[in-house]
Amino acid sequence: MNRASTPRARLTLAAGALLAGALAAPSQAAQHPGGHEPAAGSVLVFSKTAGYRHDSIADGIAAVRELGAEHGFTVDATENAAAFTPKKLARYDAVVFLSTTGDVLDPRQQAAFEEYIGDGGGYVGVHAAADTEYDWEWYGGLAGAYFASHPAIQPATVRIEDRAHPATAHLGTDWERTDEWYNYRSDPREQARILASLDEDSYTGGTMGEEHPLAWCQEYAGGRAFYTGAGHTRESYADPAFRAHLLGGIRYATGAVRADCRPETGYTTLYEGTGDGPGTEEWRQAGPGSFEESADGTLTTRGGMGLLWYAARSYGSYSLKLDWRMASADGDDNSGVFVGFPASDDPWSAVDRGYEIQIDATDATDADDRTTGAVYGFQSADLAARDAALNPPGEWNTYEIRVEGERLRVHLNGVLINDFTNTDPARSLTDGYVGLQNHGEGDEVAFRDVRIRASAPR
């Protein structure tokens, strides 16, 4: 696919590849809303404090500089709030609030930052960024939650809730680490996508219960925001897993990669695959080929053409979500998600009676209605919206496939890219099964975390 039209600069490393040290090729830079056109992304680290000052700030600045040098984005660092003018902020794709505390911006600087975010800028909040600007309501919404208290530094188990976001895709379902764990004054779950949460049974001093957020992302007031409560200790910034977490948050905030950061509640997991959630016990393979399960709960297609379908029940009105990526070395892969088909051990029954949402490493020779996001053979995706939302091979993407009556809508990384209505009397979306295609030899597409919410609201 031609990535030249991507609207933001792309950093040069997939977060999941950080631990392996595998570099991705740099791609085209794009116009920043403020008129600046950086070569490979630009980040400002802001670390002014008007309250408690963390001794890890210098380590954090050094870590972001090293990440920038390693992965192709420029980094400036300042404690001078005079950097917050429209002209100066326009130089950057994202601003990192690195353990800032207290009131750090005056009203004019606050207005400049609001304008920057409104123009499509990015925000990364690290740790004490939640202990900042308590009287600035807009900032509280951007950060997602304010600090309330914390116990002593201690080990804890972090539960990963989103394994497609670049800040958490490299982690397993549990992340064991030592840090200072914040309690917050509110839970941002209703406005943001929670990426990771704390298991309060694994440490002492948590006050938020079973849903204790730690890291989250959201689209906010025209821009993108990522926050992580980790990063208190100096050791954090030498930890490869935390550095990958931070890098992924920066990449999301700059627009280098896309993610579905809409809030997500009420879903039932159909496949999780790590032992903590359901595996393939209620799924059936129709036709040739198979899906290979890995210990981290990833299903990867092997051979075909076949179909792995969820046989426990059919669905009518629902929202189906799943994470996927093209996984072969060359990234030239093909698969799809089938919906609305009858129960059968013949995969062609799904082709003839259901609808496929295509996954394909497209090129200019493909018909539009057979490329990623298309209702295969029936309706192309909105190509401009699709291209702007799509992450390239090797990166995770998230589909939401929403069915209401005979209407089928497809969201890619949170962006609506297809809106289709069935009028074929031989097919019906009002009752049917869901499944994943394994297309054939050489086509390797990986899937994670298949979940569904029945009776999705309009």
Protein backbone atom coordinates (compact mmCIF):
# COMPACT_ATOMS: atom_id res chain seq x y z
CA MET A 1 0.00 0.00 0.00
CA ASN A 2 1.15 3.55 -0.69
CA ARG A 3 1.88 5.16 2.70
CA ALA A 4 2.86 8.55 1.27
CA SER A 5 -0.54 10.05 2.12
CA THR A 6 -0.23 9.27 5.83
CA PRO A 7 -1.00 12.54 7.63
CA ARG A 8 1.65 12.44 10.32
CA ALA A 9 5.36 11.69 10.51
CA ARG A 10 6.10 8.01 11.17
CA LEU A 11 8.76 7.03 13.71
CA THR A 12 10.98 4.20 12.60
CA LEU A 13 10.47 1.40 15.11
CA ALA A 14 7.54 -0.76 16.07
CA ALA A 15 7.24 -0.74 19.85
CA GLY A 16 6.93 -4.50 19.89
CA ALA A 17 10.27 -4.80 18.10
CA LEU A 18 12.19 -2.75 20.67
CA LEU A 19 13.22 -5.70 22.84
CA ALA A 20 14.36 -7.63 19.79
CA GLY A 21 16.16 -4.58 18.41
CA ALA A 22 14.58 -4.93 14.98
CA LEU A 23 14.32 -1.65 13.11
CA ALA A 24 11.55 -0.80 10.70
CA ALA A 25 12.22 1.29 7.62
CA PRO A 26 11.58 5.01 7.96
CA SER A 27 8.63 6.36 6.03
CA GLN A 28 7.35 9.61 4.63
CA ALA A 29 7.16 12.70 6.80
CA ALA A 30 3.94 14.71 6.69
CA GLN A 31 2.75 18.23 7.30
CA HIS A 32 2.29 19.25 10.93
CA PRO A 33 -0.85 21.33 11.61
CA GLY A 34 1.31 24.28 12.57
CA GLY A 35 3.20 24.27 9.27
CA HIS A 36 6.36 22.55 10.54
CA GLU A 37 7.49 19.52 8.54
CA PRO A 38 9.90 17.41 10.64
CA ALA A 39 12.04 14.75 9.01
CA ALA A 40 10.96 11.90 11.29
CA GLY A 41 8.91 13.35 14.13
CA SER A 42 9.67 15.94 16.80
CA VAL A 43 9.04 15.74 20.55
CA LEU A 44 9.30 18.33 23.32
CA VAL A 45 9.96 17.04 26.84
CA PHE A 46 8.62 19.46 29.45
CA SER A 47 9.65 18.83 33.06
CA LYS A 48 8.93 22.01 35.04
CA THR A 49 7.98 21.39 38.67
CA ALA A 50 6.21 23.71 41.10
CA GLY A 51 5.87 21.07 43.80
CA TYR A 52 7.64 17.80 44.52
CA ARG A 53 10.55 17.13 42.16
CA HIS A 54 11.37 13.58 41.11
CA ASP A 55 15.05 12.70 40.98
CA SER A 56 14.28 10.48 37.96
CA ILE A 57 13.52 13.44 35.67
CA ALA A 58 17.08 13.63 34.33
CA ASP A 59 17.01 9.89 33.64
CA GLY A 60 13.70 10.29 31.85
CA ILE A 61 14.98 13.08 29.63
CA ALA A 62 18.05 11.04 28.78
CA ALA A 63 15.90 8.01 27.96
CA VAL A 64 13.64 9.96 25.59
CA ARG A 65 16.69 11.48 23.90
CA GLU A 66 18.18 8.00 23.46
CA LEU A 67 14.92 6.67 22.06
CA GLY A 68 14.80 9.56 19.62
CA ALA A 69 18.38 8.99 18.50
CA GLU A 70 17.77 5.27 18.08
CA HIS A 71 14.44 5.53 16.31
CA GLY A 72 14.56 8.64 14.21
CA PHE A 73 12.74 11.45 16.00
CA THR A 74 14.17 14.68 17.36
CA VAL A 75 13.91 15.61 21.03
CA ASP A 76 14.10 18.97 22.75
CA ALA A 77 13.84 19.31 26.53
CA THR A 78 12.92 22.35 28.59
CA GLU A 79 11.69 23.51 31.98
CA ASN A 80 10.88 26.93 30.58
CA ALA A 81 7.14 27.46 30.18
CA ALA A 82 7.91 30.20 27.65
CA ALA A 83 8.13 27.36 25.12
CA PHE A 84 4.31 27.26 25.22
CA THR A 85 3.45 29.66 22.42
CA PRO A 86 1.58 28.72 19.24
CA LYS A 87 4.66 29.27 17.07
CA LYS A 88 7.04 27.27 19.27
CA LEU A 89 4.65 24.38 19.93
CA ALA A 90 3.99 24.04 16.18
CA ARG A 91 7.50 22.60 15.87
CA TYR A 92 6.48 19.43 17.69
CA ASP A 93 4.32 16.39 17.01
CA ALA A 94 3.93 15.70 20.74
CA VAL A 95 4.75 17.23 24.11
CA VAL A 96 5.83 14.95 26.96
CA PHE A 97 4.90 16.17 30.46
CA LEU A 98 7.60 14.29 32.36
CA SER A 99 6.72 14.21 36.09
CA THR A 100 5.65 17.83 36.11
CA THR A 101 4.04 18.96 39.37
CA GLY A 102 1.88 21.88 40.46
CA ASP A 103 0.93 24.93 38.39
CA VAL A 104 3.46 25.08 35.59
CA LEU A 105 1.72 27.21 32.92
CA ASP A 106 0.14 30.66 33.09
CA PRO A 107 -3.22 31.37 31.38
CA ARG A 108 -1.66 32.50 28.10
CA GLN A 109 0.53 29.40 27.96
CA GLN A 110 -2.45 27.21 28.80
CA ALA A 111 -4.39 28.75 25.92
CA ALA A 112 -1.49 28.07 23.55
CA PHE A 113 -1.37 24.42 24.59
CA GLU A 114 -5.13 24.04 24.18
CA GLU A 115 -4.80 25.48 20.67
CA TYR A 116 -1.92 23.09 19.93
CA ILE A 117 -3.94 20.03 20.95
CA GLY A 118 -6.95 21.36 19.04
CA ASP A 119 -4.79 21.52 15.92
CA GLY A 120 -4.02 17.80 16.22
CA GLY A 121 -1.03 17.81 18.56
CA GLY A 122 -0.12 15.01 20.94
CA TYR A 123 0.29 14.76 24.72
CA VAL A 124 2.25 12.20 26.73
CA GLY A 125 1.84 12.32 30.49
CA VAL A 126 4.34 10.42 32.61
CA HIS A 127 3.77 9.64 36.30
CA ALA A 128 3.45 12.97 38.15
CA ALA A 129 1.92 14.62 35.10
CA ALA A 130 -1.27 13.63 36.97
CA ASP A 131 -0.05 15.78 39.90
CA THR A 132 -0.18 18.90 37.76
CA GLU A 133 -2.54 21.85 37.13
CA TYR A 134 -5.36 20.91 39.49
CA ASP A 135 -7.23 24.14 38.78
CA TRP A 136 -7.12 23.76 35.00
CA GLU A 137 -10.14 21.60 34.17
CA TRP A 138 -9.18 21.17 30.51
CA TYR A 139 -5.81 19.73 31.50
CA GLY A 140 -7.47 17.32 33.91
CA GLY A 141 -9.51 15.98 31.03
CA LEU A 142 -6.42 15.69 28.84
CA ALA A 143 -4.40 13.83 31.46
CA GLY A 144 -7.47 11.71 32.26
CA ALA A 145 -7.25 11.71 36.06
CA TYR A 146 -5.58 13.56 38.93
CA PHE A 147 -3.27 12.07 41.56
CA ALA A 148 -4.80 11.27 44.96
CA SER A 149 -2.18 9.32 46.97
CA HIS A 150 0.41 6.59 46.80
CA PRO A 151 1.86 3.88 49.04
CA ALA A 152 5.56 3.07 49.34
CA ILE A 153 7.55 1.93 46.30
CA GLN A 154 7.01 -1.84 45.93
CA PRO A 155 6.58 -4.64 43.38
CA ALA A 156 3.14 -5.11 41.82
CA THR A 157 1.44 -6.96 38.98
CA VAL A 158 0.27 -4.85 36.07
CA ARG A 159 -2.56 -6.38 34.05
CA ILE A 160 -2.43 -5.54 30.35
CA GLU A 161 -5.91 -4.77 29.04
CA ASP A 162 -5.02 -3.71 25.49
CA ARG A 163 -2.39 -5.76 23.66
CA ALA A 164 -2.68 -3.96 20.33
CA HIS A 165 -1.65 -0.47 21.45
CA PRO A 166 2.05 0.19 20.72
CA ALA A 167 2.65 1.03 24.39
CA THR A 168 1.53 -2.42 25.57
CA ALA A 169 1.67 -4.79 22.57
CA HIS A 170 5.16 -6.00 23.56
CA LEU A 171 4.01 -7.07 27.02
CA GLY A 172 2.31 -10.27 28.14
CA THR A 173 -1.00 -10.28 29.96
CA ASP A 174 0.85 -9.60 33.25
CA TRP A 175 3.78 -7.24 33.76
CA GLU A 176 5.73 -7.60 37.00
CA ARG A 177 7.60 -4.47 38.02
CA THR A 178 8.56 -2.23 40.93
CA ASP A 179 7.41 1.39 40.99
CA GLU A 180 5.44 3.96 42.95
CA TRP A 181 1.78 3.16 42.30
CA TYR A 182 -0.61 6.09 42.20
CA ASN A 183 -4.21 6.12 43.37
CA TYR A 184 -6.28 8.58 41.34
CA ARG A 185 -9.20 10.85 42.23
CA SER A 186 -11.31 9.36 39.43
CA ASP A 187 -11.34 6.49 36.97
CA PRO A 188 -10.97 7.60 33.31
CA ARG A 189 -12.45 4.34 32.00
CA GLU A 190 -15.61 6.03 30.75
CA GLN A 191 -13.70 8.53 28.59
CA ALA A 192 -10.46 6.74 27.66
CA ARG A 193 -9.22 3.33 26.63
CA ILE A 194 -7.51 1.69 29.59
CA LEU A 195 -4.32 -0.01 28.41
CA ALA A 196 -3.06 -1.37 31.71
CA SER A 197 -4.36 -1.65 35.27
CA LEU A 198 -3.00 -2.62 38.67
CA ASP A 199 -3.81 -5.84 40.50
CA GLU A 200 -4.38 -4.47 43.99
CA ASP A 201 -4.05 -7.98 45.46
CA SER A 202 -0.38 -7.96 44.38
CA TYR A 203 0.67 -5.02 46.58
CA THR A 204 -0.48 -2.96 49.54
CA GLY A 205 -1.96 0.52 49.51
CA GLY A 206 -4.25 0.46 46.48
CA THR A 207 -7.59 2.22 46.99
CA MET A 208 -9.38 1.91 43.64
CA GLY A 209 -10.50 -1.72 43.71
CA GLU A 210 -10.60 -4.26 40.89
CA GLU A 211 -10.45 -1.62 38.14
CA HIS A 212 -7.38 0.39 39.10
CA PRO A 213 -6.11 2.16 35.95
CA LEU A 214 -2.41 2.65 35.32
CA ALA A 215 -2.06 3.64 31.64
CA TRP A 216 -4.59 4.88 29.11
CA CYS A 217 -5.05 6.74 25.85
CA GLN A 218 -7.74 8.87 24.29
CA GLU A 219 -8.54 11.30 21.52
CA TYR A 220 -9.13 14.61 23.25
CA ALA A 221 -10.21 18.04 21.99
CA GLY A 222 -8.79 17.40 18.52
CA GLY A 223 -5.53 15.71 19.52
CA ARG A 224 -4.20 12.48 21.02
CA ALA A 225 -3.31 11.83 24.65
CA PHE A 226 -1.41 9.02 26.36
CA TYR A 227 -0.73 8.72 30.08
CA THR A 228 1.23 6.21 32.15
CA GLY A 229 1.39 6.19 35.94
CA ALA A 230 4.68 4.29 35.86
CA GLY A 231 8.06 6.02 35.75
CA HIS A 232 8.71 7.21 39.32
CA THR A 233 11.99 5.38 39.79
CA ARG A 234 15.30 6.12 38.10
CA GLU A 235 15.59 2.39 37.31
CA SER A 236 12.45 2.59 35.15
CA TYR A 237 14.27 4.49 32.43
CA ALA A 238 16.91 1.77 32.05
CA ASP A 239 14.29 -1.01 31.88
CA PRO A 240 13.78 -2.18 28.25
CA ALA A 241 10.12 -3.08 28.85
CA PHE A 242 9.32 0.35 30.32
CA ARG A 243 11.28 2.13 27.59
CA ALA A 244 9.23 0.25 24.98
CA HIS A 245 6.08 1.25 26.87
CA LEU A 246 7.15 4.90 26.82
CA LEU A 247 8.18 4.72 23.17
CA GLY A 248 4.81 3.27 22.22
CA GLY A 249 3.02 6.09 24.00
CA ILE A 250 5.14 8.66 22.21
CA ARG A 251 4.55 7.01 18.84
CA TYR A 252 0.79 7.07 19.41
CA ALA A 253 0.81 10.69 20.55
CA THR A 254 2.85 11.86 17.56
CA GLY A 255 0.54 10.03 15.15
CA ALA A 256 3.29 7.66 14.03
CA VAL A 257 0.96 4.73 14.70
CA ARG A 258 -2.79 4.53 15.08
CA ALA A 259 -4.79 2.87 17.83
CA ASP A 260 -8.40 2.51 18.91
CA CYS A 261 -8.46 4.66 22.04
CA ARG A 262 -12.21 4.86 22.44
CA PRO A 263 -13.45 3.65 25.84
CA GLU A 264 -14.29 -0.04 25.88
CA THR A 265 -16.67 -1.65 28.37
CA GLY A 266 -19.16 -4.52 28.42
CA TYR A 267 -17.36 -6.91 26.07
CA THR A 268 -17.25 -10.69 26.50
CA THR A 269 -14.00 -12.38 25.49
CA LEU A 270 -14.34 -15.12 22.87
CA TYR A 271 -10.61 -15.79 22.56
CA GLU A 272 -7.79 -14.68 24.84
CA GLY A 273 -5.58 -17.75 24.83
CA THR A 274 -3.08 -17.22 27.67
CA GLY A 275 -4.69 -19.39 30.34
CA ASP A 276 -6.38 -16.45 32.03
CA GLY A 277 -9.16 -16.34 29.45
CA PRO A 278 -10.93 -18.58 26.93
CA GLY A 279 -8.93 -20.41 24.29
CA THR A 280 -10.15 -22.24 21.21
CA GLU A 281 -12.32 -24.76 23.08
CA GLU A 282 -15.52 -23.31 21.63
CA TRP A 283 -14.07 -22.64 18.18
CA ARG A 284 -14.10 -25.07 15.23
CA GLN A 285 -11.85 -25.29 12.19
CA ALA A 286 -13.70 -25.64 8.90
CA GLY A 287 -11.70 -26.65 5.85
CA PRO A 288 -7.93 -27.00 5.40
CA GLY A 289 -5.14 -25.33 7.32
CA SER A 290 -5.11 -24.26 10.94
CA PHE A 291 -4.30 -21.53 13.46
CA GLU A 292 -1.14 -21.78 15.55
CA GLU A 293 -1.53 -20.68 19.17
CA SER A 294 1.38 -19.06 20.97
CA ALA A 295 1.90 -18.79 24.71
CA ASP A 296 1.14 -15.07 24.62
CA GLY A 297 -2.36 -15.64 23.23
CA THR A 298 -1.67 -14.94 19.57
CA LEU A 299 -3.42 -16.95 16.84
CA THR A 300 -1.46 -17.10 13.56
CA THR A 301 -2.85 -18.50 10.33
CA ARG A 302 -1.23 -21.59 8.85
CA GLY A 303 -2.21 -22.77 5.39
CA GLY A 304 -5.80 -22.91 4.16
CA MET A 305 -8.19 -21.92 2.69
CA GLY A 306 -10.13 -22.50 5.89
CA LEU A 307 -12.09 -20.82 8.62
CA LEU A 308 -11.87 -20.87 12.42
CA TRP A 309 -15.34 -20.01 13.66
CA TYR A 310 -16.89 -19.48 17.07
CA ALA A 311 -19.40 -22.31 17.36
CA ALA A 312 -20.86 -21.71 20.83
CA ARG A 313 -23.59 -19.37 19.58
CA SER A 314 -24.72 -17.13 16.76
CA TYR A 315 -25.22 -13.38 17.03
CA GLY A 316 -27.56 -10.76 15.67
CA SER A 317 -26.99 -7.19 16.87
CA TYR A 318 -23.45 -6.84 18.24
CA SER A 319 -20.07 -5.13 18.27
CA LEU A 320 -17.21 -7.51 17.47
CA LYS A 321 -13.67 -6.34 18.25
CA LEU A 322 -10.36 -8.03 17.53
CA ASP A 323 -6.71 -7.14 17.05
CA TRP A 324 -4.74 -8.25 13.98
CA ARG A 325 -1.47 -7.77 12.18
CA MET A 326 0.18 -9.03 9.02
CA ALA A 327 2.85 -11.33 10.38
CA SER A 328 4.98 -12.81 7.59
CA ALA A 329 8.49 -11.57 6.87
CA ASP A 330 7.45 -9.82 3.66
CA GLY A 331 4.14 -8.50 5.03
CA ASP A 332 2.29 -9.59 1.88
CA ASP A 333 -0.57 -11.36 3.65
CA ASN A 334 -4.26 -12.03 3.23
CA SER A 335 -7.04 -12.95 5.63
CA GLY A 336 -10.42 -11.72 6.75
CA VAL A 337 -13.14 -11.73 9.37
CA PHE A 338 -16.41 -13.42 8.42
CA VAL A 339 -19.77 -12.50 9.94
CA GLY A 340 -23.40 -13.45 9.40
CA PHE A 341 -22.91 -17.01 8.08
CA PRO A 342 -24.66 -20.27 9.05
CA ALA A 343 -23.04 -23.06 11.06
CA SER A 344 -21.11 -25.37 8.71
CA ASP A 345 -17.91 -27.40 8.42
CA ASP A 346 -17.57 -26.07 4.86
CA PRO A 347 -15.71 -22.73 4.82
CA TRP A 348 -17.33 -21.87 1.50
CA SER A 349 -20.66 -21.64 3.29
CA ALA A 350 -19.32 -18.48 4.96
CA VAL A 351 -18.20 -17.15 1.56
CA ASP A 352 -21.57 -17.84 -0.07
CA ARG A 353 -23.89 -16.92 2.81
CA GLY A 354 -21.97 -14.43 4.96
CA TYR A 355 -19.78 -11.37 4.55
CA GLU A 356 -16.00 -11.03 4.83
CA ILE A 357 -14.25 -7.92 6.16
CA GLN A 358 -11.00 -8.08 4.25
CA ILE A 359 -7.45 -7.99 5.61
CA ASP A 360 -4.92 -7.67 2.80
CA ALA A 361 -1.52 -6.14 2.11
CA THR A 362 -3.00 -4.14 -0.73
CA ASP A 363 -1.31 -2.73 -3.78
CA ALA A 364 -2.41 -0.69 -6.76
CA THR A 365 -3.48 -3.77 -8.73
CA ASP A 366 -6.16 -4.83 -6.24
CA ALA A 367 -9.80 -3.99 -6.82
CA ASP A 368 -10.98 -1.52 -4.19
CA ASP A 369 -13.67 -3.90 -2.91
CA ARG A 370 -11.03 -6.55 -2.17
CA THR A 371 -8.63 -4.50 -0.06
CA THR A 372 -8.32 -4.00 3.69
CA GLY A 373 -11.55 -2.81 5.27
CA ALA A 374 -13.72 -3.77 2.29
CA VAL A 375 -16.81 -5.90 2.58
CA TYR A 376 -15.15 -8.34 0.21
CA GLY A 377 -16.59 -8.26 -3.27
CA PHE A 378 -19.44 -5.93 -2.27
CA GLN A 379 -18.23 -2.54 -1.06
CA SER A 380 -14.86 -0.80 -0.82
CA ALA A 381 -13.76 0.90 2.33
CA ASP A 382 -13.47 4.68 2.35
CA LEU A 383 -9.91 4.51 1.04
CA ALA A 384 -8.73 7.89 2.33
CA ALA A 385 -10.05 7.15 5.83
CA ARG A 386 -8.65 3.61 5.68
CA ASP A 387 -5.19 4.71 4.60
CA ALA A 388 -5.04 7.35 7.33
CA ALA A 389 -6.07 4.82 10.01
CA LEU A 390 -4.12 1.75 8.89
CA ASN A 391 -0.87 0.64 10.52
CA PRO A 392 1.59 -1.10 8.17
CA PRO A 393 2.57 -4.80 8.18
CA GLY A 394 4.22 -5.79 11.45
CA GLU A 395 2.09 -3.36 13.51
CA TRP A 396 -1.13 -4.30 15.31
CA ASN A 397 -4.48 -2.96 14.16
CA THR A 398 -7.94 -3.16 15.76
CA TYR A 399 -11.19 -3.83 13.96
CA GLU A 400 -14.60 -3.08 15.34
CA ILE A 401 -17.30 -4.76 13.23
CA ARG A 402 -20.68 -3.48 14.31
CA VAL A 403 -23.85 -5.22 13.11
CA GLU A 404 -27.31 -3.75 13.67
CA GLY A 405 -30.04 -5.44 11.68
CA GLU A 406 -28.79 -5.61 8.09
CA ARG A 407 -26.37 -2.72 8.60
CA LEU A 408 -22.65 -3.47 8.98
CA ARG A 409 -20.09 -0.82 9.96
CA VAL A 410 -16.34 -1.27 10.17
CA HIS A 411 -14.04 0.80 12.37
CA LEU A 412 -10.27 0.50 11.91
CA ASN A 413 -8.24 1.74 14.87
CA GLY A 414 -11.27 3.72 15.99
CA VAL A 415 -12.03 5.30 12.59
CA LEU A 416 -15.19 4.48 10.62
CA ILE A 417 -14.03 3.18 7.23
CA ASN A 418 -17.05 1.28 5.89
CA ASP A 419 -20.83 1.51 6.26
CA PHE A 420 -22.64 -1.24 4.36
CA THR A 421 -26.26 -2.44 4.26
CA ASN A 422 -27.16 -5.94 3.10
CA THR A 423 -29.89 -6.10 0.45
CA ASP A 424 -29.19 -9.65 -0.79
CA PRO A 425 -32.16 -11.90 0.10
CA ALA A 426 -29.85 -14.94 0.10
CA ARG A 427 -27.87 -13.45 3.01
CA SER A 428 -28.81 -11.95 6.35
CA LEU A 429 -26.82 -10.25 9.08
CA THR A 430 -29.62 -10.54 11.63
CA ASP A 431 -28.42 -13.96 12.84
CA GLY A 432 -25.15 -15.70 12.13
CA TYR A 433 -21.72 -16.81 13.32
CA VAL A 434 -18.33 -15.07 13.38
CA GLY A 435 -15.02 -16.49 12.22
CA LEU A 436 -11.41 -15.86 11.17
CA GLN A 437 -10.07 -16.89 7.77
CA ASN A 438 -6.80 -18.72 7.21
CA HIS A 439 -6.27 -17.88 3.56
CA GLY A 440 -3.44 -20.14 2.36
CA GLU A 441 0.26 -20.94 2.34
CA GLY A 442 2.44 -17.87 2.75
CA ASP A 443 -0.39 -15.76 4.16
CA GLU A 444 0.39 -15.23 7.84
CA VAL A 445 -2.00 -12.99 9.74
CA ALA A 446 -2.02 -12.93 13.55
CA PHE A 447 -5.03 -12.27 15.76
CA ARG A 448 -5.43 -11.41 19.45
CA ASP A 449 -8.21 -10.77 21.95
CA VAL A 450 -11.42 -11.49 20.07
CA ARG A 451 -14.29 -9.99 22.08
CA ILE A 452 -17.94 -9.20 21.52
CA ARG A 453 -20.67 -7.04 23.02
CA ALA A 454 -24.16 -8.17 22.12
CA SER A 455 -26.95 -5.68 21.40
CA ALA A 456 -24.53 -2.82 20.70
CA PRO A 457 -26.27 0.55 21.18
CA ARG A 458 -26.74 2.84 18.21
